[in-house]
C-alpha atoms as a PDB file:
ATOM      1  CA  UNK A   1      12.118-154.782 -15.828  1.00  0.00           C
ATOM      2  CA  UNK A   2      10.465-151.395 -16.253  1.00  0.00           C
ATOM      3  CA  UNK A   3      10.699-148.594 -13.666  1.00  0.00           C
ATOM      4  CA  UNK A   4       7.474-147.857 -11.844  1.00  0.00           C
ATOM      5  CA  UNK A   5       5.409-145.040 -13.352  1.00  0.00           C
ATOM      6  CA  UNK A   6       5.292-141.708 -11.568  1.00  0.00           C
ATOM      7  CA  UNK A   7       3.183-141.683  -8.426  1.00  0.00           C
ATOM      8  CA  UNK A   8       0.127-139.522  -7.966  1.00  0.00           C
ATOM      9  CA  UNK A   9       2.454-136.533  -7.501  1.00  0.00           C
ATOM     10  CA  UNK A  10       0.522-134.587  -4.818  1.00  0.00           C
ATOM     11  CA  UNK A  11       2.860-131.576  -5.070  1.00  0.00           C
ATOM     12  CA  UNK A  12       2.596-131.289  -8.853  1.00  0.00           C
ATOM     13  CA  UNK A  13       6.353-131.376  -9.457  1.00  0.00           C
ATOM     14  CA  UNK A  14       6.388-134.280 -11.893  1.00  0.00           C
ATOM     15  CA  UNK A  15       3.295-133.699 -14.023  1.00  0.00           C
ATOM     16  CA  UNK A  16       1.968-130.842 -16.115  1.00  0.00           C
ATOM     17  CA  UNK A  17      -1.274-129.536 -14.552  1.00  0.00           C
ATOM     18  CA  UNK A  18      -2.991-129.069 -17.933  1.00  0.00           C
ATOM     19  CA  UNK A  19      -2.184-132.268 -19.829  1.00  0.00           C
ATOM     20  CA  UNK A  20      -1.278-134.606 -16.985  1.00  0.00           C
ATOM     21  CA  UNK A  21       1.871-135.523 -18.911  1.00  0.00           C
ATOM     22  CA  UNK A  22       5.170-135.905 -17.085  1.00  0.00           C
ATOM     23  CA  UNK A  23       7.460-132.893 -16.997  1.00  0.00           C
ATOM     24  CA  UNK A  24      10.463-133.054 -19.316  1.00  0.00           C
ATOM     25  CA  UNK A  25      12.747-133.540 -16.301  1.00  0.00           C
ATOM     26  CA  UNK A  26      10.684-136.510 -15.094  1.00  0.00           C
ATOM     27  CA  UNK A  27      10.506-137.989 -18.585  1.00  0.00           C
ATOM     28  CA  UNK A  28      14.299-137.791 -18.885  1.00  0.00           C
ATOM     29  CA  UNK A  29      14.780-139.513 -15.518  1.00  0.00           C
ATOM     30  CA  UNK A  30      12.418-142.291 -16.618  1.00  0.00           C
ATOM     31  CA  UNK A  31      14.170-142.569 -20.004  1.00  0.00           C
ATOM     32  CA  UNK A  32      17.592-142.845 -18.340  1.00  0.00           C
ATOM     33  CA  UNK A  33      16.288-145.573 -16.013  1.00  0.00           C
ATOM     34  CA  UNK A  34      14.770-147.555 -18.892  1.00  0.00           C
ATOM     35  CA  UNK A  35      17.979-147.224 -20.934  1.00  0.00           C
ATOM     36  CA  UNK A  36      20.067-148.421 -17.976  1.00  0.00           C
ATOM     37  CA  UNK A  37      17.938-151.571 -17.661  1.00  0.00           C
ATOM     38  CA  UNK A  38      17.798-152.402 -21.379  1.00  0.00           C
ATOM     39  CA  UNK A  39      19.331-155.715 -22.404  1.00  0.00           C
ATOM     40  CA  UNK A  40      21.927-155.459 -25.215  1.00  0.00           C
ATOM     41  CA  UNK A  41      20.241-158.169 -27.316  1.00  0.00           C
ATOM     42  CA  UNK A  42      16.636-157.658 -26.254  1.00  0.00           C
ATOM     43  CA  UNK A  43      13.959-155.155 -27.144  1.00  0.00           C
ATOM     44  CA  UNK A  44      15.064-151.587 -27.676  1.00  0.00           C
ATOM     45  CA  UNK A  45      14.080-148.310 -26.038  1.00  0.00           C
ATOM     46  CA  UNK A  46      12.241-145.809 -28.199  1.00  0.00           C
ATOM     47  CA  UNK A  47      11.806-142.076 -27.838  1.00  0.00           C
ATOM     48  CA  UNK A  48       8.980-140.550 -29.842  1.00  0.00           C
ATOM     49  CA  UNK A  49       8.713-136.750 -30.114  1.00  0.00           C
ATOM     50  CA  UNK A  50       5.533-135.181 -31.469  1.00  0.00           C
ATOM     51  CA  UNK A  51       4.835-131.595 -32.476  1.00  0.00           C
ATOM     52  CA  UNK A  52       1.406-130.380 -33.554  1.00  0.00           C
ATOM     53  CA  UNK A  53       1.872-128.856 -36.995  1.00  0.00           C
ATOM     54  CA  UNK A  54       1.283-125.083 -36.985  1.00  0.00           C
ATOM     55  CA  UNK A  55       0.469-124.909 -33.267  1.00  0.00           C
ATOM     56  CA  UNK A  56       2.617-121.820 -32.694  1.00  0.00           C
ATOM     57  CA  UNK A  57       0.787-119.975 -35.479  1.00  0.00           C
ATOM     58  CA  UNK A  58      -2.623-121.028 -34.113  1.00  0.00           C
ATOM     59  CA  UNK A  59      -1.678-120.041 -30.560  1.00  0.00           C
ATOM     60  CA  UNK A  60      -0.433-116.654 -31.762  1.00  0.00           C
ATOM     61  CA  UNK A  61      -3.791-116.040 -33.421  1.00  0.00           C
ATOM     62  CA  UNK A  62      -6.047-117.401 -30.647  1.00  0.00           C
ATOM     63  CA  UNK A  63      -4.001-117.344 -27.432  1.00  0.00           C
ATOM     64  CA  UNK A  64      -2.690-119.818 -24.883  1.00  0.00           C
ATOM     65  CA  UNK A  65      -6.107-121.408 -24.233  1.00  0.00           C
ATOM     66  CA  UNK A  66      -6.039-122.872 -27.739  1.00  0.00           C
ATOM     67  CA  UNK A  67      -2.497-124.227 -27.258  1.00  0.00           C
ATOM     68  CA  UNK A  68      -3.480-125.872 -23.976  1.00  0.00           C
ATOM     69  CA  UNK A  69      -6.669-127.378 -25.444  1.00  0.00           C
ATOM     70  CA  UNK A  70      -4.821-128.834 -28.435  1.00  0.00           C
ATOM     71  CA  UNK A  71      -2.007-130.278 -26.311  1.00  0.00           C
ATOM     72  CA  UNK A  72      -4.557-131.742 -23.890  1.00  0.00           C
ATOM     73  CA  UNK A  73      -6.516-133.330 -26.755  1.00  0.00           C
ATOM     74  CA  UNK A  74      -3.414-134.828 -28.324  1.00  0.00           C
ATOM     75  CA  UNK A  75      -2.054-136.003 -24.946  1.00  0.00           C
ATOM     76  CA  UNK A  76      -5.370-137.746 -24.274  1.00  0.00           C
ATOM     77  CA  UNK A  77      -5.127-139.585 -27.604  1.00  0.00           C
ATOM     78  CA  UNK A  78      -1.574-140.593 -26.814  1.00  0.00           C
ATOM     79  CA  UNK A  79      -2.566-141.847 -23.360  1.00  0.00           C
ATOM     80  CA  UNK A  80      -5.330-143.985 -24.878  1.00  0.00           C
ATOM     81  CA  UNK A  81      -2.859-145.635 -27.240  1.00  0.00           C
ATOM     82  CA  UNK A  82       0.230-146.372 -25.168  1.00  0.00           C
ATOM     83  CA  UNK A  83       1.164-149.418 -23.163  1.00  0.00           C
ATOM     84  CA  UNK A  84       1.206-149.238 -19.378  1.00  0.00           C
ATOM     85  CA  UNK A  85       5.013-149.334 -19.292  1.00  0.00           C
ATOM     86  CA  UNK A  86       5.399-146.266 -21.528  1.00  0.00           C
ATOM     87  CA  UNK A  87       5.440-142.657 -20.318  1.00  0.00           C
ATOM     88  CA  UNK A  88       4.140-139.471 -21.967  1.00  0.00           C
ATOM     89  CA  UNK A  89       5.857-136.193 -21.166  1.00  0.00           C
ATOM     90  CA  UNK A  90       6.147-132.608 -22.289  1.00  0.00           C
ATOM     91  CA  UNK A  91       9.082-132.075 -24.602  1.00  0.00           C
ATOM     92  CA  UNK A  92      10.165-128.755 -25.989  1.00  0.00           C
ATOM     93  CA  UNK A  93       6.701-127.289 -26.692  1.00  0.00           C
ATOM     94  CA  UNK A  94       5.296-130.646 -27.787  1.00  0.00           C
ATOM     95  CA  UNK A  95       4.891-134.134 -26.394  1.00  0.00           C
ATOM     96  CA  UNK A  96       7.092-137.186 -26.151  1.00  0.00           C
ATOM     97  CA  UNK A  97       6.714-140.850 -25.281  1.00  0.00           C
ATOM     98  CA  UNK A  98       9.366-143.107 -23.820  1.00  0.00           C
ATOM     99  CA  UNK A  99       8.648-146.497 -25.381  1.00  0.00           C
ATOM    100  CA  UNK A 100      10.146-149.003 -22.976  1.00  0.00           C
ATOM    101  CA  UNK A 101      11.159-152.456 -24.192  1.00  0.00           C
ATOM    102  CA  UNK A 102       9.895-152.296 -27.754  1.00  0.00           C
ATOM    103  CA  UNK A 103      10.912-153.848 -31.050  1.00  0.00           C
ATOM    104  CA  UNK A 104      11.503-151.536 -34.030  1.00  0.00           C
ATOM    105  CA  UNK A 105       8.444-152.699 -35.989  1.00  0.00           C
ATOM    106  CA  UNK A 106       6.236-152.196 -32.932  1.00  0.00           C
ATOM    107  CA  UNK A 107       7.627-148.687 -32.369  1.00  0.00           C
ATOM    108  CA  UNK A 108       7.109-147.706 -35.995  1.00  0.00           C
ATOM    109  CA  UNK A 109       3.568-149.115 -35.951  1.00  0.00           C
ATOM    110  CA  UNK A 110       2.774-147.176 -32.764  1.00  0.00           C
ATOM    111  CA  UNK A 111       4.056-143.936 -34.307  1.00  0.00           C
ATOM    112  CA  UNK A 112       1.952-144.470 -37.446  1.00  0.00           C
ATOM    113  CA  UNK A 113      -1.180-145.238 -35.381  1.00  0.00           C
ATOM    114  CA  UNK A 114      -0.641-142.093 -33.328  1.00  0.00           C
ATOM    115  CA  UNK A 115      -0.177-140.001 -36.470  1.00  0.00           C
ATOM    116  CA  UNK A 116      -3.501-141.299 -37.818  1.00  0.00           C
ATOM    117  CA  UNK A 117      -5.286-140.825 -34.474  1.00  0.00           C
ATOM    118  CA  UNK A 118      -4.286-137.161 -34.388  1.00  0.00           C
ATOM    119  CA  UNK A 119      -5.222-136.598 -38.033  1.00  0.00           C
ATOM    120  CA  UNK A 120      -8.585-138.387 -38.059  1.00  0.00           C
ATOM    121  CA  UNK A 121     -10.451-136.676 -35.226  1.00  0.00           C
ATOM    122  CA  UNK A 122     -10.625-132.906 -34.637  1.00  0.00           C
ATOM    123  CA  UNK A 123      -9.484-131.704 -31.216  1.00  0.00           C
ATOM    124  CA  UNK A 124     -12.071-129.895 -29.074  1.00  0.00           C
ATOM    125  CA  UNK A 125     -11.029-126.323 -28.231  1.00  0.00           C
ATOM    126  CA  UNK A 126     -12.761-123.225 -26.829  1.00  0.00           C
ATOM    127  CA  UNK A 127     -13.006-122.102 -30.480  1.00  0.00           C
ATOM    128  CA  UNK A 128     -14.679-125.290 -31.722  1.00  0.00           C
ATOM    129  CA  UNK A 129     -13.333-128.607 -32.953  1.00  0.00           C
ATOM    130  CA  UNK A 130     -10.032-128.097 -34.732  1.00  0.00           C
ATOM    131  CA  UNK A 131      -8.503-130.552 -37.214  1.00  0.00           C
ATOM    132  CA  UNK A 132      -4.760-130.948 -36.584  1.00  0.00           C
ATOM    133  CA  UNK A 133      -1.849-132.964 -37.892  1.00  0.00           C
ATOM    134  CA  UNK A 134       1.515-133.656 -36.328  1.00  0.00           C
ATOM    135  CA  UNK A 135       5.178-134.245 -37.071  1.00  0.00           C
ATOM    136  CA  UNK A 136       6.740-137.215 -35.286  1.00  0.00           C
ATOM    137  CA  UNK A 137      10.372-138.167 -34.776  1.00  0.00           C
ATOM    138  CA  UNK A 138      11.159-141.675 -33.536  1.00  0.00           C
ATOM    139  CA  UNK A 139      14.624-142.740 -32.339  1.00  0.00           C
ATOM    140  CA  UNK A 140      15.577-146.162 -30.952  1.00  0.00           C
ATOM    141  CA  UNK A 141      18.456-147.277 -28.771  1.00  0.00           C
ATOM    142  CA  UNK A 142      19.767-150.543 -27.424  1.00  0.00           C
ATOM    143  CA  UNK A 143      20.276-148.977 -24.022  1.00  0.00           C
ATOM    144  CA  UNK A 144      23.891-148.559 -23.028  1.00  0.00           C
ATOM    145  CA  UNK A 145      24.676-146.938 -26.397  1.00  0.00           C
ATOM    146  CA  UNK A 146      23.584-143.486 -25.168  1.00  0.00           C
ATOM    147  CA  UNK A 147      21.910-141.647 -22.315  1.00  0.00           C
ATOM    148  CA  UNK A 148      18.421-140.154 -22.144  1.00  0.00           C
ATOM    149  CA  UNK A 149      19.316-136.630 -23.268  1.00  0.00           C
ATOM    150  CA  UNK A 150      21.170-137.994 -26.323  1.00  0.00           C
ATOM    151  CA  UNK A 151      18.252-140.234 -27.343  1.00  0.00           C
ATOM    152  CA  UNK A 152      15.810-137.373 -26.789  1.00  0.00           C
ATOM    153  CA  UNK A 153      17.977-135.052 -28.915  1.00  0.00           C
ATOM    154  CA  UNK A 154      18.000-137.601 -31.762  1.00  0.00           C
ATOM    155  CA  UNK A 155      14.196-137.906 -31.602  1.00  0.00           C
ATOM    156  CA  UNK A 156      13.845-134.107 -31.614  1.00  0.00           C
ATOM    157  CA  UNK A 157      16.104-133.882 -34.670  1.00  0.00           C
ATOM    158  CA  UNK A 158      13.962-136.459 -36.452  1.00  0.00           C
ATOM    159  CA  UNK A 159      10.829-134.520 -35.476  1.00  0.00           C
ATOM    160  CA  UNK A 160      12.342-131.388 -37.024  1.00  0.00           C
ATOM    161  CA  UNK A 161      13.052-133.408 -40.181  1.00  0.00           C
ATOM    162  CA  UNK A 162       9.394-134.503 -40.240  1.00  0.00           C
ATOM    163  CA  UNK A 163       8.309-130.871 -39.955  1.00  0.00           C
ATOM    164  CA  UNK A 164      10.701-129.835 -42.762  1.00  0.00           C
ATOM    165  CA  UNK A 165       9.242-132.626 -44.916  1.00  0.00           C
ATOM    166  CA  UNK A 166       5.871-130.868 -44.708  1.00  0.00           C
ATOM    167  CA  UNK A 167       4.481-132.310 -41.477  1.00  0.00           C
ATOM    168  CA  UNK A 168       1.854-134.982 -40.983  1.00  0.00           C
ATOM    169  CA  UNK A 169       4.551-137.639 -41.152  1.00  0.00           C
ATOM    170  CA  UNK A 170       6.870-139.856 -39.104  1.00  0.00           C
ATOM    171  CA  UNK A 171      10.633-139.746 -39.554  1.00  0.00           C
ATOM    172  CA  UNK A 172      12.578-142.510 -37.886  1.00  0.00           C
ATOM    173  CA  UNK A 173      15.979-144.155 -37.810  1.00  0.00           C
ATOM    174  CA  UNK A 174      14.515-147.603 -38.611  1.00  0.00           C
END
């Protein structure tokens, strides 16, 4: 069983107003709930963390409007490619997806498809269409092995490893 997605959020406490993605706090609550319901021998829970390569440098040169446009464009691509039971959220200057009830091969395939989707189509910005790439970290858990913050931290570490490897790649624990 998967927890219900966030409601419409009329007060704006659970979703980012620019991207529509869940806040990090809301994503962590969802991740903890999914981990608590995971069966020890069933599908796993995945946490995917994505960082747009060089976004800080681009934002420093062109301002926050560029950062927001790029994150919105990437979040839209993510939203188009996730299952209904998954949740996209803001994570540490980038984006993350809680992949509920997923097998390792499915999670890895989803990460690779997302990597290609970001790479293949420029993101519209106030400064014109901008080609971008991303670094993705993917961590999986069987549920009761760890809590949401621990799984998120592992995915963030893997994302940093992807960035150190030159970006435009997925690093996973598979």
